[in-house]
Amino acid sequence: MAGPAAFPWIYPYTEERRVAGSEFLGKPLLRPTVIVRLEGKRLASHNVVALVDSGADHILVSPWIAQDIGVTPDSNRSILSRIGGDTRPVRFR
């Protein structure tokens, strides 16, 4: 591979830090991202970076963003999902 310029980038890529113990610590971890604008009680007109994941089964946001845009997750609708190399509980609306 010739490097990042060799790819037909559709979205800008953001470099993310590797998790300690990763076998690829010496290589950059690039994720496709977009800036999205969320409107809410406190977030009105604020932009956040979102990961572009065309293979994702769900759209996830952190609890503080959900609360701020008026989404209340249902505690009866939760699953365990692999996120960032760890298994975490995820609640849905």
PDB file of N, CA and C in Angstrom:
ATOM      1  N   MET A   1       0.836  -1.173   0.000  1.00  0.00           N
ATOM      2  CA  MET A   1       0.000   0.000   0.000  1.00  0.00           C
ATOM      3  C   MET A   1       0.886   1.243   0.000  1.00  0.00           C
ATOM      4  N   ALA A   2       0.552   2.210  -0.769  1.00  0.00           N
ATOM      5  CA  ALA A   2       1.388   3.399  -0.916  1.00  0.00           C
ATOM      6  C   ALA A   2       1.178   4.419   0.189  1.00  0.00           C
ATOM      7  N   GLY A   3       0.129   4.301   1.013  1.00  0.00           N
ATOM      8  CA  GLY A   3      -0.135   5.273   2.074  1.00  0.00           C
ATOM      9  C   GLY A   3      -1.520   5.853   1.935  1.00  0.00           C
ATOM     10  N   PRO A   4      -1.903   6.718   2.846  1.00  0.00           N
ATOM     11  CA  PRO A   4      -3.262   7.267   2.855  1.00  0.00           C
ATOM     12  C   PRO A   4      -3.695   7.919   1.543  1.00  0.00           C
ATOM     13  N   ALA A   5      -2.799   8.552   0.822  1.00  0.00           N
ATOM     14  CA  ALA A   5      -3.184   9.232  -0.413  1.00  0.00           C
ATOM     15  C   ALA A   5      -3.617   8.245  -1.500  1.00  0.00           C
ATOM     16  N   ALA A   6      -3.237   6.963  -1.357  1.00  0.00           N
ATOM     17  CA  ALA A   6      -3.564   5.964  -2.369  1.00  0.00           C
ATOM     18  C   ALA A   6      -5.031   5.526  -2.305  1.00  0.00           C
ATOM     19  N   PHE A   7      -5.699   5.783  -1.191  1.00  0.00           N
ATOM     20  CA  PHE A   7      -7.092   5.373  -1.045  1.00  0.00           C
ATOM     21  C   PHE A   7      -8.033   6.399  -1.672  1.00  0.00           C
ATOM     22  N   PRO A   8      -9.166   5.944  -2.191  1.00  0.00           N
ATOM     23  CA  PRO A   8     -10.168   6.902  -2.699  1.00  0.00           C
ATOM     24  C   PRO A   8     -11.037   7.389  -1.532  1.00  0.00           C
ATOM     25  N   TRP A   9     -10.493   8.269  -0.702  1.00  0.00           N
ATOM     26  CA  TRP A   9     -11.198   8.740   0.496  1.00  0.00           C
ATOM     27  C   TRP A   9     -12.511   9.416   0.116  1.00  0.00           C
ATOM     28  N   ILE A  10     -13.596   8.931   0.668  1.00  0.00           N
ATOM     29  CA  ILE A  10     -14.903   9.561   0.481  1.00  0.00           C
ATOM     30  C   ILE A  10     -15.178  10.477   1.660  1.00  0.00           C
ATOM     31  N   TYR A  11     -14.805  10.017   2.861  1.00  0.00           N
ATOM     32  CA  TYR A  11     -14.965  10.791   4.086  1.00  0.00           C
ATOM     33  C   TYR A  11     -13.583  11.122   4.623  1.00  0.00           C
ATOM     34  N   PRO A  12     -13.470  12.231   5.333  1.00  0.00           N
ATOM     35  CA  PRO A  12     -12.183  12.499   5.975  1.00  0.00           C
ATOM     36  C   PRO A  12     -11.945  11.470   7.077  1.00  0.00           C
ATOM     37  N   TYR A  13     -10.712  11.092   7.274  1.00  0.00           N
ATOM     38  CA  TYR A  13     -10.374  10.112   8.299  1.00  0.00           C
ATOM     39  C   TYR A  13      -9.715  10.803   9.480  1.00  0.00           C
ATOM     40  N   THR A  14     -10.051  10.336  10.673  1.00  0.00           N
ATOM     41  CA  THR A  14      -9.493  10.861  11.906  1.00  0.00           C
ATOM     42  C   THR A  14      -8.631   9.775  12.531  1.00  0.00           C
ATOM     43  N   GLU A  15      -7.429  10.135  12.962  1.00  0.00           N
ATOM     44  CA  GLU A  15      -6.568   9.154  13.607  1.00  0.00           C
ATOM     45  C   GLU A  15      -6.983   8.986  15.059  1.00  0.00           C
ATOM     46  N   GLU A  16      -7.108   7.739  15.475  1.00  0.00           N
ATOM     47  CA  GLU A  16      -7.515   7.405  16.836  1.00  0.00           C
ATOM     48  C   GLU A  16      -6.361   6.703  17.527  1.00  0.00           C
ATOM     49  N   ARG A  17      -6.256   6.875  18.834  1.00  0.00           N
ATOM     50  CA  ARG A  17      -5.183   6.205  19.577  1.00  0.00           C
ATOM     51  C   ARG A  17      -5.458   4.712  19.660  1.00  0.00           C
ATOM     52  N   ARG A  18      -4.411   3.929  19.626  1.00  0.00           N
ATOM     53  CA  ARG A  18      -4.524   2.483  19.790  1.00  0.00           C
ATOM     54  C   ARG A  18      -4.717   2.143  21.267  1.00  0.00           C
ATOM     55  N   VAL A  19      -5.417   1.052  21.514  1.00  0.00           N
ATOM     56  CA  VAL A  19      -5.612   0.552  22.872  1.00  0.00           C
ATOM     57  C   VAL A  19      -4.318  -0.105  23.327  1.00  0.00           C
ATOM     58  N   ALA A  20      -3.928   0.124  24.576  1.00  0.00           N
ATOM     59  CA  ALA A  20      -2.712  -0.487  25.112  1.00  0.00           C
ATOM     60  C   ALA A  20      -2.764  -1.990  24.928  1.00  0.00           C
ATOM     61  N   GLY A  21      -1.660  -2.565  24.494  1.00  0.00           N
ATOM     62  CA  GLY A  21      -1.592  -4.003  24.275  1.00  0.00           C
ATOM     63  C   GLY A  21      -1.949  -4.419  22.859  1.00  0.00           C
ATOM     64  N   SER A  22      -2.372  -3.471  22.022  1.00  0.00           N
ATOM     65  CA  SER A  22      -2.718  -3.791  20.637  1.00  0.00           C
ATOM     66  C   SER A  22      -1.473  -4.247  19.892  1.00  0.00           C
ATOM     67  N   GLU A  23      -1.630  -5.276  19.064  1.00  0.00           N
ATOM     68  CA  GLU A  23      -0.491  -5.754  18.288  1.00  0.00           C
ATOM     69  C   GLU A  23      -0.097  -4.769  17.191  1.00  0.00           C
ATOM     70  N   PHE A  24      -0.925  -3.749  16.945  1.00  0.00           N
ATOM     71  CA  PHE A  24      -0.655  -2.778  15.889  1.00  0.00           C
ATOM     72  C   PHE A  24      -0.305  -1.394  16.442  1.00  0.00           C
ATOM     73  N   LEU A  25       0.301  -1.330  17.630  1.00  0.00           N
ATOM     74  CA  LEU A  25       0.590  -0.043  18.272  1.00  0.00           C
ATOM     75  C   LEU A  25       1.395   0.898  17.394  1.00  0.00           C
ATOM     76  N   GLY A  26       2.242   0.379  16.529  1.00  0.00           N
ATOM     77  CA  GLY A  26       3.092   1.225  15.708  1.00  0.00           C
ATOM     78  C   GLY A  26       2.424   1.751  14.446  1.00  0.00           C
ATOM     79  N   LYS A  27       1.176   1.353  14.180  1.00  0.00           N
ATOM     80  CA  LYS A  27       0.497   1.780  12.958  1.00  0.00           C
ATOM     81  C   LYS A  27      -0.675   2.692  13.292  1.00  0.00           C
ATOM     82  N   PRO A  28      -0.951   3.691  12.459  1.00  0.00           N
ATOM     83  CA  PRO A  28      -2.080   4.586  12.746  1.00  0.00           C
ATOM     84  C   PRO A  28      -3.420   3.859  12.605  1.00  0.00           C
ATOM     85  N   LEU A  29      -4.369   4.221  13.443  1.00  0.00           N
ATOM     86  CA  LEU A  29      -5.728   3.696  13.379  1.00  0.00           C
ATOM     87  C   LEU A  29      -6.599   4.816  12.826  1.00  0.00           C
ATOM     88  N   LEU A  30      -7.027   4.682  11.583  1.00  0.00           N
ATOM     89  CA  LEU A  30      -7.788   5.728  10.914  1.00  0.00           C
ATOM     90  C   LEU A  30      -9.257   5.343  10.838  1.00  0.00           C
ATOM     91  N   ARG A  31     -10.139   6.263  11.219  1.00  0.00           N
ATOM     92  CA  ARG A  31     -11.582   6.026  11.203  1.00  0.00           C
ATOM     93  C   ARG A  31     -12.251   7.086  10.327  1.00  0.00           C
ATOM     94  N   PRO A  32     -13.209   6.667   9.479  1.00  0.00           N
ATOM     95  CA  PRO A  32     -13.937   7.659   8.679  1.00  0.00           C
ATOM     96  C   PRO A  32     -14.916   8.416   9.576  1.00  0.00           C
ATOM     97  N   THR A  33     -14.881   9.728   9.504  1.00  0.00           N
ATOM     98  CA  THR A  33     -15.731  10.547  10.367  1.00  0.00           C
ATOM     99  C   THR A  33     -16.412  11.655   9.569  1.00  0.00           C
ATOM    100  N   VAL A  34     -17.500  12.138  10.119  1.00  0.00           N
ATOM    101  CA  VAL A  34     -18.194  13.305   9.577  1.00  0.00           C
ATOM    102  C   VAL A  34     -18.579  14.199  10.753  1.00  0.00           C
ATOM    103  N   ILE A  35     -18.746  15.459  10.463  1.00  0.00           N
ATOM    104  CA  ILE A  35     -19.245  16.388  11.469  1.00  0.00           C
ATOM    105  C   ILE A  35     -20.764  16.424  11.323  1.00  0.00           C
ATOM    106  N   VAL A  36     -21.471  16.202  12.430  1.00  0.00           N
ATOM    107  CA  VAL A  36     -22.933  16.275  12.408  1.00  0.00           C
ATOM    108  C   VAL A  36     -23.384  17.357  13.384  1.00  0.00           C
ATOM    109  N   ARG A  37     -24.503  17.940  13.084  1.00  0.00           N
ATOM    110  CA  ARG A  37     -25.048  18.990  13.938  1.00  0.00           C
ATOM    111  C   ARG A  37     -26.274  18.445  14.656  1.00  0.00           C
ATOM    112  N   LEU A  38     -26.225  18.467  15.983  1.00  0.00           N
ATOM    113  CA  LEU A  38     -27.336  18.007  16.802  1.00  0.00           C
ATOM    114  C   LEU A  38     -28.007  19.208  17.449  1.00  0.00           C
ATOM    115  N   GLU A  39     -29.294  19.199  17.433  1.00  0.00           N
ATOM    116  CA  GLU A  39     -30.045  20.285  18.061  1.00  0.00           C
ATOM    117  C   GLU A  39     -30.725  19.737  19.300  1.00  0.00           C
ATOM    118  N   GLY A  40     -30.533  20.386  20.417  1.00  0.00           N
ATOM    119  CA  GLY A  40     -31.129  19.934  21.666  1.00  0.00           C
ATOM    120  C   GLY A  40     -31.243  21.074  22.647  1.00  0.00           C
ATOM    121  N   LYS A  41     -31.516  20.723  23.887  1.00  0.00           N
ATOM    122  CA  LYS A  41     -31.699  21.739  24.931  1.00  0.00           C
ATOM    123  C   LYS A  41     -30.440  22.574  25.141  1.00  0.00           C
ATOM    124  N   ARG A  42     -29.281  21.895  25.265  1.00  0.00           N
ATOM    125  CA  ARG A  42     -28.018  22.613  25.474  1.00  0.00           C
ATOM    126  C   ARG A  42     -27.106  22.542  24.261  1.00  0.00           C
ATOM    127  N   LEU A  43     -27.346  21.597  23.367  1.00  0.00           N
ATOM    128  CA  LEU A  43     -26.443  21.402  22.231  1.00  0.00           C
ATOM    129  C   LEU A  43     -26.863  22.160  20.980  1.00  0.00           C
ATOM    130  N   ALA A  44     -27.828  23.021  21.082  1.00  0.00           N
ATOM    131  CA  ALA A  44     -28.323  23.708  19.888  1.00  0.00           C
ATOM    132  C   ALA A  44     -27.159  24.253  19.074  1.00  0.00           C
ATOM    133  N   SER A  45     -27.121  23.868  17.832  1.00  0.00           N
ATOM    134  CA  SER A  45     -26.130  24.333  16.859  1.00  0.00           C
ATOM    135  C   SER A  45     -24.696  23.913  17.181  1.00  0.00           C
ATOM    136  N   HIS A  46     -24.513  22.884  17.980  1.00  0.00           N
ATOM    137  CA  HIS A  46     -23.167  22.389  18.249  1.00  0.00           C
ATOM    138  C   HIS A  46     -22.867  21.218  17.333  1.00  0.00           C
ATOM    139  N   ASN A  47     -21.645  21.188  16.837  1.00  0.00           N
ATOM    140  CA  ASN A  47     -21.210  20.103  15.970  1.00  0.00           C
ATOM    141  C   ASN A  47     -20.454  19.060  16.780  1.00  0.00           C
ATOM    142  N   VAL A  48     -20.653  17.792  16.432  1.00  0.00           N
ATOM    143  CA  VAL A  48     -19.908  16.698  17.051  1.00  0.00           C
ATOM    144  C   VAL A  48     -19.347  15.822  15.943  1.00  0.00           C
ATOM    145  N   VAL A  49     -18.277  15.115  16.240  1.00  0.00           N
ATOM    146  CA  VAL A  49     -17.673  14.198  15.278  1.00  0.00           C
ATOM    147  C   VAL A  49     -18.383  12.858  15.399  1.00  0.00           C
ATOM    148  N   ALA A  50     -18.810  12.302  14.276  1.00  0.00           N
ATOM    149  CA  ALA A  50     -19.490  11.013  14.256  1.00  0.00           C
ATOM    150  C   ALA A  50     -18.709  10.034  13.385  1.00  0.00           C
ATOM    151  N   LEU A  51     -18.671   8.789  13.814  1.00  0.00           N
ATOM    152  CA  LEU A  51     -18.016   7.730  13.061  1.00  0.00           C
ATOM    153  C   LEU A  51     -18.931   7.255  11.937  1.00  0.00           C
ATOM    154  N   VAL A  52     -18.384   7.123  10.737  1.00  0.00           N
ATOM    155  CA  VAL A  52     -19.130   6.574   9.608  1.00  0.00           C
ATOM    156  C   VAL A  52     -18.903   5.066   9.627  1.00  0.00           C
ATOM    157  N   ASP A  53     -19.972   4.302   9.848  1.00  0.00           N
ATOM    158  CA  ASP A  53     -19.866   2.850   9.920  1.00  0.00           C
ATOM    159  C   ASP A  53     -21.010   2.235   9.137  1.00  0.00           C
ATOM    160  N   SER A  54     -20.780   1.971   7.869  1.00  0.00           N
ATOM    161  CA  SER A  54     -21.844   1.466   7.006  1.00  0.00           C
ATOM    162  C   SER A  54     -22.288   0.062   7.385  1.00  0.00           C
ATOM    163  N   GLY A  55     -21.504  -0.638   8.191  1.00  0.00           N
ATOM    164  CA  GLY A  55     -21.877  -1.979   8.618  1.00  0.00           C
ATOM    165  C   GLY A  55     -22.515  -2.026   9.991  1.00  0.00           C
ATOM    166  N   ALA A  56     -22.742  -0.874  10.598  1.00  0.00           N
ATOM    167  CA  ALA A  56     -23.305  -0.843  11.950  1.00  0.00           C
ATOM    168  C   ALA A  56     -24.768  -1.273  11.941  1.00  0.00           C
ATOM    169  N   ASP A  57     -25.145  -2.028  12.957  1.00  0.00           N
ATOM    170  CA  ASP A  57     -26.543  -2.446  13.115  1.00  0.00           C
ATOM    171  C   ASP A  57     -27.378  -1.372  13.794  1.00  0.00           C
ATOM    172  N   HIS A  58     -26.733  -0.473  14.528  1.00  0.00           N
ATOM    173  CA  HIS A  58     -27.442   0.535  15.307  1.00  0.00           C
ATOM    174  C   HIS A  58     -26.721   1.866  15.225  1.00  0.00           C
ATOM    175  N   ILE A  59     -27.445   2.933  15.507  1.00  0.00           N
ATOM    176  CA  ILE A  59     -26.846   4.265  15.642  1.00  0.00           C
ATOM    177  C   ILE A  59     -26.751   4.528  17.134  1.00  0.00           C
ATOM    178  N   LEU A  60     -25.544   4.806  17.611  1.00  0.00           N
ATOM    179  CA  LEU A  60     -25.328   4.994  19.040  1.00  0.00           C
ATOM    180  C   LEU A  60     -24.804   6.394  19.326  1.00  0.00           C
ATOM    181  N   VAL A  61     -25.236   6.939  20.446  1.00  0.00           N
ATOM    182  CA  VAL A  61     -24.683   8.196  20.954  1.00  0.00           C
ATOM    183  C   VAL A  61     -24.411   8.019  22.436  1.00  0.00           C
ATOM    184  N   SER A  62     -23.540   8.830  22.967  1.00  0.00           N
ATOM    185  CA  SER A  62     -23.246   8.749  24.392  1.00  0.00           C
ATOM    186  C   SER A  62     -24.462   9.216  25.192  1.00  0.00           C
ATOM    187  N   PRO A  63     -24.585   8.766  26.446  1.00  0.00           N
ATOM    188  CA  PRO A  63     -25.757   9.112  27.257  1.00  0.00           C
ATOM    189  C   PRO A  63     -25.994  10.619  27.387  1.00  0.00           C
ATOM    190  N   TRP A  64     -24.920  11.414  27.499  1.00  0.00           N
ATOM    191  CA  TRP A  64     -25.120  12.858  27.679  1.00  0.00           C
ATOM    192  C   TRP A  64     -25.702  13.499  26.422  1.00  0.00           C
ATOM    193  N   ILE A  65     -25.339  12.986  25.243  1.00  0.00           N
ATOM    194  CA  ILE A  65     -25.922  13.523  24.007  1.00  0.00           C
ATOM    195  C   ILE A  65     -27.389  13.125  23.912  1.00  0.00           C
ATOM    196  N   ALA A  66     -27.696  11.856  24.200  1.00  0.00           N
ATOM    197  CA  ALA A  66     -29.094  11.398  24.164  1.00  0.00           C
ATOM    198  C   ALA A  66     -29.955  12.255  25.092  1.00  0.00           C
ATOM    199  N   GLN A  67     -29.474  12.484  26.289  1.00  0.00           N
ATOM    200  CA  GLN A  67     -30.229  13.294  27.259  1.00  0.00           C
ATOM    201  C   GLN A  67     -30.422  14.710  26.742  1.00  0.00           C
ATOM    202  N   ASP A  68     -29.374  15.269  26.165  1.00  0.00           N
ATOM    203  CA  ASP A  68     -29.448  16.650  25.722  1.00  0.00           C
ATOM    204  C   ASP A  68     -30.387  16.854  24.539  1.00  0.00           C
ATOM    205  N   ILE A  69     -30.515  15.841  23.673  1.00  0.00           N
ATOM    206  CA  ILE A  69     -31.416  16.005  22.532  1.00  0.00           C
ATOM    207  C   ILE A  69     -32.812  15.469  22.831  1.00  0.00           C
ATOM    208  N   GLY A  70     -33.040  15.103  24.108  1.00  0.00           N
ATOM    209  CA  GLY A  70     -34.381  14.718  24.530  1.00  0.00           C
ATOM    210  C   GLY A  70     -34.752  13.269  24.296  1.00  0.00           C
ATOM    211  N   VAL A  71     -33.758  12.392  24.136  1.00  0.00           N
ATOM    212  CA  VAL A  71     -34.027  10.964  23.961  1.00  0.00           C
ATOM    213  C   VAL A  71     -33.820  10.273  25.304  1.00  0.00           C
ATOM    214  N   THR A  72     -34.827   9.533  25.742  1.00  0.00           N
ATOM    215  CA  THR A  72     -34.725   8.789  26.994  1.00  0.00           C
ATOM    216  C   THR A  72     -34.621   7.304  26.677  1.00  0.00           C
ATOM    217  N   PRO A  73     -33.436   6.713  26.894  1.00  0.00           N
ATOM    218  CA  PRO A  73     -33.284   5.282  26.622  1.00  0.00           C
ATOM    219  C   PRO A  73     -34.186   4.451  27.541  1.00  0.00           C
ATOM    220  N   ASP A  74     -34.695   3.358  27.018  1.00  0.00           N
ATOM    221  CA  ASP A  74     -35.563   2.454  27.762  1.00  0.00           C
ATOM    222  C   ASP A  74     -34.697   1.425  28.486  1.00  0.00           C
ATOM    223  N   SER A  75     -34.738   1.410  29.812  1.00  0.00           N
ATOM    224  CA  SER A  75     -33.890   0.484  30.572  1.00  0.00           C
ATOM    225  C   SER A  75     -34.281  -0.974  30.336  1.00  0.00           C
ATOM    226  N   ASN A  76     -35.461  -1.232  29.779  1.00  0.00           N
ATOM    227  CA  ASN A  76     -35.890  -2.599  29.463  1.00  0.00           C
ATOM    228  C   ASN A  76     -35.395  -3.070  28.102  1.00  0.00           C
ATOM    229  N   ARG A  77     -34.825  -2.175  27.321  1.00  0.00           N
ATOM    230  CA  ARG A  77     -34.318  -2.526  25.985  1.00  0.00           C
ATOM    231  C   ARG A  77     -32.808  -2.313  25.950  1.00  0.00           C
ATOM    232  N   SER A  78     -32.049  -3.280  26.426  1.00  0.00           N
ATOM    233  CA  SER A  78     -30.598  -3.127  26.409  1.00  0.00           C
ATOM    234  C   SER A  78     -29.946  -4.415  25.912  1.00  0.00           C
ATOM    235  N   ILE A  79     -28.741  -4.254  25.371  1.00  0.00           N
ATOM    236  CA  ILE A  79     -27.930  -5.379  24.914  1.00  0.00           C
ATOM    237  C   ILE A  79     -26.492  -5.115  25.339  1.00  0.00           C
ATOM    238  N   LEU A  80     -25.645  -6.139  25.253  1.00  0.00           N
ATOM    239  CA  LEU A  80     -24.215  -5.959  25.428  1.00  0.00           C
ATOM    240  C   LEU A  80     -23.609  -5.873  24.036  1.00  0.00           C
ATOM    241  N   SER A  81     -22.787  -4.862  23.808  1.00  0.00           N
ATOM    242  CA  SER A  81     -22.204  -4.649  22.489  1.00  0.00           C
ATOM    243  C   SER A  81     -20.706  -4.420  22.622  1.00  0.00           C
ATOM    244  N   ARG A  82     -19.945  -4.875  21.627  1.00  0.00           N
ATOM    245  CA  ARG A  82     -18.495  -4.638  21.615  1.00  0.00           C
ATOM    246  C   ARG A  82     -18.235  -3.243  21.071  1.00  0.00           C
ATOM    247  N   ILE A  83     -17.654  -2.390  21.895  1.00  0.00           N
ATOM    248  CA  ILE A  83     -17.343  -1.012  21.514  1.00  0.00           C
ATOM    249  C   ILE A  83     -15.952  -0.690  22.037  1.00  0.00           C
ATOM    250  N   GLY A  84     -15.093  -0.216  21.163  1.00  0.00           N
ATOM    251  CA  GLY A  84     -13.760   0.193  21.586  1.00  0.00           C
ATOM    252  C   GLY A  84     -12.951  -0.919  22.231  1.00  0.00           C
ATOM    253  N   GLY A  85     -13.143  -2.158  21.774  1.00  0.00           N
ATOM    254  CA  GLY A  85     -12.369  -3.271  22.301  1.00  0.00           C
ATOM    255  C   GLY A  85     -12.892  -3.821  23.606  1.00  0.00           C
ATOM    256  N   ASP A  86     -14.059  -3.367  24.056  1.00  0.00           N
ATOM    257  CA  ASP A  86     -14.627  -3.827  25.321  1.00  0.00           C
ATOM    258  C   ASP A  86     -16.112  -4.108  25.128  1.00  0.00           C
ATOM    259  N   THR A  87     -16.701  -4.908  25.994  1.00  0.00           N
ATOM    260  CA  THR A  87     -18.135  -5.155  25.955  1.00  0.00           C
ATOM    261  C   THR A  87     -18.810  -4.164  26.890  1.00  0.00           C
ATOM    262  N   ARG A  88     -19.820  -3.468  26.354  1.00  0.00           N
ATOM    263  CA  ARG A  88     -20.501  -2.433  27.140  1.00  0.00           C
ATOM    264  C   ARG A  88     -22.006  -2.579  26.997  1.00  0.00           C
ATOM    265  N   PRO A  89     -22.740  -2.211  28.046  1.00  0.00           N
ATOM    266  CA  PRO A  89     -24.204  -2.232  27.921  1.00  0.00           C
ATOM    267  C   PRO A  89     -24.688  -1.051  27.079  1.00  0.00           C
ATOM    268  N   VAL A  90     -25.638  -1.318  26.202  1.00  0.00           N
ATOM    269  CA  VAL A  90     -26.207  -0.286  25.328  1.00  0.00           C
ATOM    270  C   VAL A  90     -27.720  -0.315  25.510  1.00  0.00           C
ATOM    271  N   ARG A  91     -28.317   0.857  25.727  1.00  0.00           N
ATOM    272  CA  ARG A  91     -29.775   0.937  25.880  1.00  0.00           C
ATOM    273  C   ARG A  91     -30.372   1.660  24.681  1.00  0.00           C
ATOM    274  N   PHE A  92     -31.566   1.221  24.309  1.00  0.00           N
ATOM    275  CA  PHE A  92     -32.257   1.791  23.150  1.00  0.00           C
ATOM    276  C   PHE A  92     -33.502   2.530  23.580  1.00  0.00           C
ATOM    277  N   ARG A  93     -33.971   3.355  22.708  1.00  0.00           N
ATOM    278  CA  ARG A  93     -35.200   4.083  22.942  1.00  0.00           C
ATOM    279  C   ARG A  93     -36.363   3.229  22.536  1.00  0.00           C
TER     280      ARG A  93
END
